[in-house]
PDB file of N, CA and C in Angstrom:
ATOM      1  N   MET A   1       3.584   2.173  16.579  1.00  0.00           N
ATOM      2  CA  MET A   1       2.392   1.940  15.793  1.00  0.00           C
ATOM      3  C   MET A   1       2.457   0.526  15.219  1.00  0.00           C
ATOM      4  N   ALA A   2       1.380  -0.196  15.332  1.00  0.00           N
ATOM      5  CA  ALA A   2       1.320  -1.561  14.796  1.00  0.00           C
ATOM      6  C   ALA A   2       0.847  -1.520  13.341  1.00  0.00           C
ATOM      7  N   TYR A   3       1.507  -2.314  12.527  1.00  0.00           N
ATOM      8  CA  TYR A   3       1.143  -2.408  11.120  1.00  0.00           C
ATOM      9  C   TYR A   3       0.597  -3.792  10.855  1.00  0.00           C
ATOM     10  N   PRO A   4      -0.410  -3.906   9.980  1.00  0.00           N
ATOM     11  CA  PRO A   4      -0.954  -5.228   9.692  1.00  0.00           C
ATOM     12  C   PRO A   4       0.084  -6.131   9.026  1.00  0.00           C
ATOM     13  N   ILE A   5       0.208  -7.336   9.533  1.00  0.00           N
ATOM     14  CA  ILE A   5       1.137  -8.318   8.974  1.00  0.00           C
ATOM     15  C   ILE A   5       0.318  -9.458   8.386  1.00  0.00           C
ATOM     16  N   ILE A   6       0.605  -9.799   7.141  1.00  0.00           N
ATOM     17  CA  ILE A   6      -0.123 -10.892   6.510  1.00  0.00           C
ATOM     18  C   ILE A   6       0.611 -12.204   6.773  1.00  0.00           C
ATOM     19  N   ARG A   7       0.033 -13.277   6.376  1.00  0.00           N
ATOM     20  CA  ARG A   7       0.496 -14.611   6.719  1.00  0.00           C
ATOM     21  C   ARG A   7       1.977 -14.853   6.418  1.00  0.00           C
ATOM     22  N   ASP A   8       2.496 -14.323   5.342  1.00  0.00           N
ATOM     23  CA  ASP A   8       3.897 -14.586   4.976  1.00  0.00           C
ATOM     24  C   ASP A   8       4.871 -13.554   5.565  1.00  0.00           C
ATOM     25  N   ARG A   9       4.452 -12.848   6.602  1.00  0.00           N
ATOM     26  CA  ARG A   9       5.279 -11.905   7.373  1.00  0.00           C
ATOM     27  C   ARG A   9       5.528 -10.566   6.673  1.00  0.00           C
ATOM     28  N   ARG A  10       4.856 -10.301   5.572  1.00  0.00           N
ATOM     29  CA  ARG A  10       4.965  -8.988   4.945  1.00  0.00           C
ATOM     30  C   ARG A  10       3.949  -8.047   5.583  1.00  0.00           C
ATOM     31  N   SER A  11       4.202  -6.738   5.487  1.00  0.00           N
ATOM     32  CA  SER A  11       3.333  -5.735   6.112  1.00  0.00           C
ATOM     33  C   SER A  11       2.853  -4.719   5.083  1.00  0.00           C
ATOM     34  N   PHE A  12       1.655  -4.202   5.324  1.00  0.00           N
ATOM     35  CA  PHE A  12       1.149  -3.050   4.600  1.00  0.00           C
ATOM     36  C   PHE A  12       1.483  -1.823   5.436  1.00  0.00           C
ATOM     37  N   VAL A  13       2.201  -0.868   4.839  1.00  0.00           N
ATOM     38  CA  VAL A  13       2.646   0.323   5.574  1.00  0.00           C
ATOM     39  C   VAL A  13       2.392   1.553   4.720  1.00  0.00           C
ATOM     40  N   ARG A  14       2.024   2.651   5.385  1.00  0.00           N
ATOM     41  CA  ARG A  14       1.803   3.921   4.694  1.00  0.00           C
ATOM     42  C   ARG A  14       2.943   4.875   5.040  1.00  0.00           C
ATOM     43  N   GLY A  15       3.491   5.528   4.020  1.00  0.00           N
ATOM     44  CA  GLY A  15       4.539   6.526   4.212  1.00  0.00           C
ATOM     45  C   GLY A  15       4.093   7.859   3.646  1.00  0.00           C
ATOM     46  N   THR A  16       4.583   8.952   4.231  1.00  0.00           N
ATOM     47  CA  THR A  16       4.160  10.297   3.830  1.00  0.00           C
ATOM     48  C   THR A  16       5.362  11.221   3.729  1.00  0.00           C
ATOM     49  N   ARG A  17       5.264  12.156   2.798  1.00  0.00           N
ATOM     50  CA  ARG A  17       6.267  13.214   2.672  1.00  0.00           C
ATOM     51  C   ARG A  17       5.583  14.467   2.159  1.00  0.00           C
ATOM     52  N   THR A  18       5.974  15.627   2.688  1.00  0.00           N
ATOM     53  CA  THR A  18       5.432  16.916   2.259  1.00  0.00           C
ATOM     54  C   THR A  18       6.566  17.761   1.695  1.00  0.00           C
ATOM     55  N   VAL A  19       6.309  18.397   0.540  1.00  0.00           N
ATOM     56  CA  VAL A  19       7.313  19.202  -0.155  1.00  0.00           C
ATOM     57  C   VAL A  19       6.690  20.530  -0.559  1.00  0.00           C
ATOM     58  N   ASP A  20       7.418  21.629  -0.325  1.00  0.00           N
ATOM     59  CA  ASP A  20       6.997  22.952  -0.800  1.00  0.00           C
ATOM     60  C   ASP A  20       7.665  23.221  -2.135  1.00  0.00           C
ATOM     61  N   VAL A  21       6.860  23.501  -3.150  1.00  0.00           N
ATOM     62  CA  VAL A  21       7.352  23.749  -4.501  1.00  0.00           C
ATOM     63  C   VAL A  21       7.391  25.257  -4.727  1.00  0.00           C
ATOM     64  N   LEU A  22       8.582  25.801  -4.938  1.00  0.00           N
ATOM     65  CA  LEU A  22       8.722  27.243  -5.093  1.00  0.00           C
ATOM     66  C   LEU A  22       8.568  27.700  -6.534  1.00  0.00           C
ATOM     67  N   THR A  23       9.063  26.897  -7.480  1.00  0.00           N
ATOM     68  CA  THR A  23       8.953  27.255  -8.893  1.00  0.00           C
ATOM     69  C   THR A  23       8.280  26.116  -9.651  1.00  0.00           C
ATOM     70  N   ALA A  24       7.611  26.454 -10.731  1.00  0.00           N
ATOM     71  CA  ALA A  24       6.920  25.445 -11.542  1.00  0.00           C
ATOM     72  C   ALA A  24       7.935  24.552 -12.241  1.00  0.00           C
ATOM     73  N   GLY A  25       7.527  23.309 -12.472  1.00  0.00           N
ATOM     74  CA  GLY A  25       8.411  22.408 -13.201  1.00  0.00           C
ATOM     75  C   GLY A  25       8.189  20.961 -12.822  1.00  0.00           C
ATOM     76  N   ASN A  26       9.213  20.145 -13.077  1.00  0.00           N
ATOM     77  CA  ASN A  26       9.172  18.719 -12.774  1.00  0.00           C
ATOM     78  C   ASN A  26       9.974  18.472 -11.505  1.00  0.00           C
ATOM     79  N   TYR A  27       9.461  17.614 -10.630  1.00  0.00           N
ATOM     80  CA  TYR A  27      10.115  17.366  -9.350  1.00  0.00           C
ATOM     81  C   TYR A  27      10.263  15.883  -9.082  1.00  0.00           C
ATOM     82  N   ALA A  28      11.482  15.479  -8.745  1.00  0.00           N
ATOM     83  CA  ALA A  28      11.743  14.106  -8.314  1.00  0.00           C
ATOM     84  C   ALA A  28      11.447  14.041  -6.822  1.00  0.00           C
ATOM     85  N   LEU A  29      10.590  13.121  -6.428  1.00  0.00           N
ATOM     86  CA  LEU A  29      10.212  12.971  -5.024  1.00  0.00           C
ATOM     87  C   LEU A  29      10.515  11.559  -4.549  1.00  0.00           C
ATOM     88  N   THR A  30      10.883  11.442  -3.288  1.00  0.00           N
ATOM     89  CA  THR A  30      11.085  10.131  -2.683  1.00  0.00           C
ATOM     90  C   THR A  30      10.334  10.077  -1.359  1.00  0.00           C
ATOM     91  N   VAL A  31       9.852   8.878  -1.034  1.00  0.00           N
ATOM     92  CA  VAL A  31       9.219   8.621   0.255  1.00  0.00           C
ATOM     93  C   VAL A  31       9.939   7.421   0.851  1.00  0.00           C
ATOM     94  N   THR A  32      10.526   7.608   2.032  1.00  0.00           N
ATOM     95  CA  THR A  32      11.217   6.528   2.719  1.00  0.00           C
ATOM     96  C   THR A  32      10.269   5.888   3.721  1.00  0.00           C
ATOM     97  N   ILE A  33      10.269   4.565   3.760  1.00  0.00           N
ATOM     98  CA  ILE A  33       9.445   3.803   4.687  1.00  0.00           C
ATOM     99  C   ILE A  33      10.406   3.198   5.723  1.00  0.00           C
ATOM    100  N   PRO A  34      10.691   3.896   6.828  1.00  0.00           N
ATOM    101  CA  PRO A  34      11.741   3.457   7.743  1.00  0.00           C
ATOM    102  C   PRO A  34      11.453   2.150   8.483  1.00  0.00           C
ATOM    103  N   VAL A  35      10.200   1.751   8.620  1.00  0.00           N
ATOM    104  CA  VAL A  35       9.891   0.514   9.358  1.00  0.00           C
ATOM    105  C   VAL A  35      10.079  -0.738   8.506  1.00  0.00           C
ATOM    106  N   LEU A  36      10.353  -0.572   7.221  1.00  0.00           N
ATOM    107  CA  LEU A  36      10.579  -1.715   6.330  1.00  0.00           C
ATOM    108  C   LEU A  36      12.035  -1.759   5.882  1.00  0.00           C
ATOM    109  N   ARG A  37      12.519  -2.950   5.607  1.00  0.00           N
ATOM    110  CA  ARG A  37      13.837  -3.110   4.990  1.00  0.00           C
ATOM    111  C   ARG A  37      13.716  -3.059   3.475  1.00  0.00           C
ATOM    112  N   LYS A  38      12.579  -3.592   2.968  1.00  0.00           N
ATOM    113  CA  LYS A  38      12.400  -3.671   1.521  1.00  0.00           C
ATOM    114  C   LYS A  38      10.937  -3.459   1.150  1.00  0.00           C
ATOM    115  N   VAL A  39      10.692  -2.527   0.237  1.00  0.00           N
ATOM    116  CA  VAL A  39       9.364  -2.335  -0.350  1.00  0.00           C
ATOM    117  C   VAL A  39       9.279  -3.256  -1.561  1.00  0.00           C
ATOM    118  N   GLU A  40       8.264  -4.106  -1.571  1.00  0.00           N
ATOM    119  CA  GLU A  40       8.094  -5.028  -2.691  1.00  0.00           C
ATOM    120  C   GLU A  40       7.131  -4.503  -3.740  1.00  0.00           C
ATOM    121  N   HIS A  41       6.124  -3.749  -3.298  1.00  0.00           N
ATOM    122  CA  HIS A  41       5.111  -3.294  -4.246  1.00  0.00           C
ATOM    123  C   HIS A  41       4.421  -2.046  -3.695  1.00  0.00           C
ATOM    124  N   VAL A  42       4.167  -1.069  -4.558  1.00  0.00           N
ATOM    125  CA  VAL A  42       3.375   0.102  -4.190  1.00  0.00           C
ATOM    126  C   VAL A  42       1.926  -0.230  -4.521  1.00  0.00           C
ATOM    127  N   ILE A  43       1.098  -0.244  -3.502  1.00  0.00           N
ATOM    128  CA  ILE A  43      -0.317  -0.568  -3.680  1.00  0.00           C
ATOM    129  C   ILE A  43      -1.075   0.654  -4.199  1.00  0.00           C
ATOM    130  N   GLN A  44      -0.778   1.812  -3.620  1.00  0.00           N
ATOM    131  CA  GLN A  44      -1.531   3.018  -3.960  1.00  0.00           C
ATOM    132  C   GLN A  44      -0.699   4.240  -3.593  1.00  0.00           C
ATOM    133  N   TYR A  45      -0.873   5.308  -4.345  1.00  0.00           N
ATOM    134  CA  TYR A  45      -0.302   6.581  -3.932  1.00  0.00           C
ATOM    135  C   TYR A  45      -1.352   7.655  -4.104  1.00  0.00           C
ATOM    136  N   GLU A  46      -1.304   8.642  -3.210  1.00  0.00           N
ATOM    137  CA  GLU A  46      -2.244   9.751  -3.240  1.00  0.00           C
ATOM    138  C   GLU A  46      -1.458  11.047  -3.153  1.00  0.00           C
ATOM    139  N   LEU A  47      -1.937  12.060  -3.838  1.00  0.00           N
ATOM    140  CA  LEU A  47      -1.295  13.369  -3.851  1.00  0.00           C
ATOM    141  C   LEU A  47      -2.298  14.408  -3.364  1.00  0.00           C
ATOM    142  N   TYR A  48      -1.895  15.190  -2.384  1.00  0.00           N
ATOM    143  CA  TYR A  48      -2.726  16.266  -1.862  1.00  0.00           C
ATOM    144  C   TYR A  48      -1.973  17.570  -2.063  1.00  0.00           C
ATOM    145  N   THR A  49      -2.688  18.632  -2.455  1.00  0.00           N
ATOM    146  CA  THR A  49      -2.033  19.922  -2.696  1.00  0.00           C
ATOM    147  C   THR A  49      -2.698  21.035  -1.904  1.00  0.00           C
ATOM    148  N   ASN A  50      -1.902  22.048  -1.600  1.00  0.00           N
ATOM    149  CA  ASN A  50      -2.415  23.253  -0.978  1.00  0.00           C
ATOM    150  C   ASN A  50      -1.671  24.427  -1.606  1.00  0.00           C
ATOM    151  N   PRO A  51      -2.333  25.317  -2.329  1.00  0.00           N
ATOM    152  CA  PRO A  51      -3.758  25.338  -2.613  1.00  0.00           C
ATOM    153  C   PRO A  51      -4.149  24.201  -3.557  1.00  0.00           C
ATOM    154  N   THR A  52      -5.428  23.917  -3.615  1.00  0.00           N
ATOM    155  CA  THR A  52      -5.917  22.839  -4.461  1.00  0.00           C
ATOM    156  C   THR A  52      -5.580  23.137  -5.914  1.00  0.00           C
ATOM    157  N   THR A  53      -4.865  22.227  -6.531  1.00  0.00           N
ATOM    158  CA  THR A  53      -4.416  22.392  -7.916  1.00  0.00           C
ATOM    159  C   THR A  53      -4.082  21.023  -8.490  1.00  0.00           C
ATOM    160  N   ASP A  54      -3.796  20.970  -9.762  1.00  0.00           N
ATOM    161  CA  ASP A  54      -3.345  19.726 -10.381  1.00  0.00           C
ATOM    162  C   ASP A  54      -1.933  19.444  -9.884  1.00  0.00           C
ATOM    163  N   PRO A  55      -1.702  18.296  -9.216  1.00  0.00           N
ATOM    164  CA  PRO A  55      -0.379  18.027  -8.659  1.00  0.00           C
ATOM    165  C   PRO A  55       0.647  17.571  -9.681  1.00  0.00           C
ATOM    166  N   GLY A  56       0.244  17.444 -10.930  1.00  0.00           N
ATOM    167  CA  GLY A  56       1.160  16.930 -11.938  1.00  0.00           C
ATOM    168  C   GLY A  56       0.902  15.452 -12.168  1.00  0.00           C
ATOM    169  N   THR A  57       1.650  14.884 -13.069  1.00  0.00           N
ATOM    170  CA  THR A  57       1.486  13.477 -13.428  1.00  0.00           C
ATOM    171  C   THR A  57       2.682  12.682 -12.941  1.00  0.00           C
ATOM    172  N   PRO A  58       2.478  11.681 -12.059  1.00  0.00           N
ATOM    173  CA  PRO A  58       3.610  10.873 -11.602  1.00  0.00           C
ATOM    174  C   PRO A  58       4.098   9.923 -12.693  1.00  0.00           C
ATOM    175  N   VAL A  59       5.398   9.906 -12.916  1.00  0.00           N
ATOM    176  CA  VAL A  59       6.002   9.010 -13.908  1.00  0.00           C
ATOM    177  C   VAL A  59       7.288   8.427 -13.322  1.00  0.00           C
ATOM    178  N   ASN A  60       7.808   7.403 -13.972  1.00  0.00           N
ATOM    179  CA  ASN A  60       9.105   6.806 -13.640  1.00  0.00           C
ATOM    180  C   ASN A  60       9.225   6.333 -12.191  1.00  0.00           C
ATOM    181  N   MET A  61       8.225   5.583 -11.696  1.00  0.00           N
ATOM    182  CA  MET A  61       8.297   5.093 -10.329  1.00  0.00           C
ATOM    183  C   MET A  61       9.406   4.059 -10.195  1.00  0.00           C
ATOM    184  N   VAL A  62      10.201   4.200  -9.128  1.00  0.00           N
ATOM    185  CA  VAL A  62      11.323   3.308  -8.851  1.00  0.00           C
ATOM    186  C   VAL A  62      11.281   2.943  -7.368  1.00  0.00           C
ATOM    187  N   ILE A  63      11.570   1.673  -7.069  1.00  0.00           N
ATOM    188  CA  ILE A  63      11.674   1.215  -5.687  1.00  0.00           C
ATOM    189  C   ILE A  63      13.110   0.767  -5.457  1.00  0.00           C
ATOM    190  N   THR A  64      13.752   1.326  -4.423  1.00  0.00           N
ATOM    191  CA  THR A  64      15.097   0.925  -4.038  1.00  0.00           C
ATOM    192  C   THR A  64      15.089   0.675  -2.533  1.00  0.00           C
ATOM    193  N   LYS A  65      15.223  -0.581  -2.145  1.00  0.00           N
ATOM    194  CA  LYS A  65      15.165  -1.011  -0.742  1.00  0.00           C
ATOM    195  C   LYS A  65      13.878  -0.520  -0.103  1.00  0.00           C
ATOM    196  N   ASN A  66      13.940   0.440   0.821  1.00  0.00           N
ATOM    197  CA  ASN A  66      12.734   0.928   1.483  1.00  0.00           C
ATOM    198  C   ASN A  66      12.353   2.349   1.054  1.00  0.00           C
ATOM    199  N   VAL A  67      12.771   2.730  -0.156  1.00  0.00           N
ATOM    200  CA  VAL A  67      12.479   4.061  -0.692  1.00  0.00           C
ATOM    201  C   VAL A  67      11.702   3.936  -1.992  1.00  0.00           C
ATOM    202  N   VAL A  68      10.606   4.705  -2.087  1.00  0.00           N
ATOM    203  CA  VAL A  68       9.809   4.784  -3.312  1.00  0.00           C
ATOM    204  C   VAL A  68      10.073   6.150  -3.919  1.00  0.00           C
ATOM    205  N   GLY A  69      10.458   6.194  -5.197  1.00  0.00           N
ATOM    206  CA  GLY A  69      10.736   7.456  -5.856  1.00  0.00           C
ATOM    207  C   GLY A  69       9.970   7.568  -7.163  1.00  0.00           C
ATOM    208  N   PHE A  70       9.634   8.794  -7.536  1.00  0.00           N
ATOM    209  CA  PHE A  70       8.990   9.056  -8.822  1.00  0.00           C
ATOM    210  C   PHE A  70       9.143  10.532  -9.142  1.00  0.00           C
ATOM    211  N   THR A  71       8.801  10.890 -10.362  1.00  0.00           N
ATOM    212  CA  THR A  71       8.867  12.282 -10.812  1.00  0.00           C
ATOM    213  C   THR A  71       7.455  12.792 -11.044  1.00  0.00           C
ATOM    214  N   LEU A  72       7.171  13.986 -10.522  1.00  0.00           N
ATOM    215  CA  LEU A  72       5.908  14.655 -10.824  1.00  0.00           C
ATOM    216  C   LEU A  72       6.163  15.646 -11.944  1.00  0.00           C
ATOM    217  N   MET A  73       5.427  15.514 -13.037  1.00  0.00           N
ATOM    218  CA  MET A  73       5.605  16.365 -14.205  1.00  0.00           C
ATOM    219  C   MET A  73       4.588  17.510 -14.177  1.00  0.00           C
ATOM    220  N   GLY A  74       5.066  18.734 -14.384  1.00  0.00           N
ATOM    221  CA  GLY A  74       4.183  19.882 -14.546  1.00  0.00           C
ATOM    222  C   GLY A  74       3.558  20.388 -13.263  1.00  0.00           C
ATOM    223  N   VAL A  75       4.327  20.476 -12.190  1.00  0.00           N
ATOM    224  CA  VAL A  75       3.818  20.980 -10.916  1.00  0.00           C
ATOM    225  C   VAL A  75       3.804  22.501 -10.945  1.00  0.00           C
ATOM    226  N   GLY A  76       2.736  23.109 -10.426  1.00  0.00           N
ATOM    227  CA  GLY A  76       2.618  24.562 -10.397  1.00  0.00           C
ATOM    228  C   GLY A  76       3.426  25.189  -9.279  1.00  0.00           C
ATOM    229  N   ALA A  77       3.836  26.450  -9.468  1.00  0.00           N
ATOM    230  CA  ALA A  77       4.628  27.172  -8.472  1.00  0.00           C
ATOM    231  C   ALA A  77       3.779  27.512  -7.255  1.00  0.00           C
ATOM    232  N   GLY A  78       4.424  27.583  -6.085  1.00  0.00           N
ATOM    233  CA  GLY A  78       3.740  27.982  -4.865  1.00  0.00           C
ATOM    234  C   GLY A  78       2.798  26.931  -4.314  1.00  0.00           C
ATOM    235  N   THR A  79       3.083  25.683  -4.553  1.00  0.00           N
ATOM    236  CA  THR A  79       2.219  24.581  -4.133  1.00  0.00           C
ATOM    237  C   THR A  79       2.902  23.767  -3.050  1.00  0.00           C
ATOM    238  N   THR A  80       2.144  23.357  -2.048  1.00  0.00           N
ATOM    239  CA  THR A  80       2.625  22.399  -1.067  1.00  0.00           C
ATOM    240  C   THR A  80       2.006  21.054  -1.425  1.00  0.00           C
ATOM    241  N   ILE A  81       2.851  20.050  -1.655  1.00  0.00           N
ATOM    242  CA  ILE A  81       2.378  18.736  -2.063  1.00  0.00           C
ATOM    243  C   ILE A  81       2.659  17.748  -0.946  1.00  0.00           C
ATOM    244  N   THR A  82       1.644  16.996  -0.575  1.00  0.00           N
ATOM    245  CA  THR A  82       1.815  15.897   0.367  1.00  0.00           C
ATOM    246  C   THR A  82       1.597  14.610  -0.400  1.00  0.00           C
ATOM    247  N   VAL A  83       2.610  13.745  -0.390  1.00  0.00           N
ATOM    248  CA  VAL A  83       2.568  12.464  -1.075  1.00  0.00           C
ATOM    249  C   VAL A  83       2.373  11.390  -0.018  1.00  0.00           C
ATOM    250  N   GLN A  84       1.419  10.498  -0.253  1.00  0.00           N
ATOM    251  CA  GLN A  84       1.183   9.383   0.656  1.00  0.00           C
ATOM    252  C   GLN A  84       1.187   8.102  -0.167  1.00  0.00           C
ATOM    253  N   VAL A  85       2.011   7.131   0.246  1.00  0.00           N
ATOM    254  CA  VAL A  85       2.076   5.853  -0.471  1.00  0.00           C
ATOM    255  C   VAL A  85       1.719   4.721   0.481  1.00  0.00           C
ATOM    256  N   LEU A  86       0.978   3.760  -0.031  1.00  0.00           N
ATOM    257  CA  LEU A  86       0.679   2.529   0.683  1.00  0.00           C
ATOM    258  C   LEU A  86       1.475   1.430   0.004  1.00  0.00           C
ATOM    259  N   VAL A  87       2.336   0.763   0.783  1.00  0.00           N
ATOM    260  CA  VAL A  87       3.241  -0.233   0.209  1.00  0.00           C
ATOM    261  C   VAL A  87       3.114  -1.566   0.926  1.00  0.00           C
ATOM    262  N   LEU A  88       3.614  -2.599   0.267  1.00  0.00           N
ATOM    263  CA  LEU A  88       3.714  -3.921   0.833  1.00  0.00           C
ATOM    264  C   LEU A  88       5.184  -4.288   0.880  1.00  0.00           C
ATOM    265  N   GLY A  89       5.651  -4.744   2.036  1.00  0.00           N
ATOM    266  CA  GLY A  89       7.068  -5.075   2.119  1.00  0.00           C
ATOM    267  C   GLY A  89       7.423  -5.820   3.388  1.00  0.00           C
ATOM    268  N   THR A  90       8.735  -6.024   3.556  1.00  0.00           N
ATOM    269  CA  THR A  90       9.239  -6.745   4.726  1.00  0.00           C
ATOM    270  C   THR A  90      10.200  -5.884   5.515  1.00  0.00           C
TER     271      THR A  90
END
């Protein structure tokens, strides 16, 4: 898959991860972007749930090399969450 590359050789890339939540609570989630060595900035993140519910509030976002991590606060039990992040990196 080709990713858009801007003039200074950085790319915009989208990463996705799906997690099944069995019990209610707070969950630390990570999304790895394997085509990048380093994520410089998270442009946008989206949360999708099944069944449709409040996915919680993302807090404490951290970037380490090509991994974006954060905690979702107050996730309901029995929810499947799909996290999608759009990042800029090299």
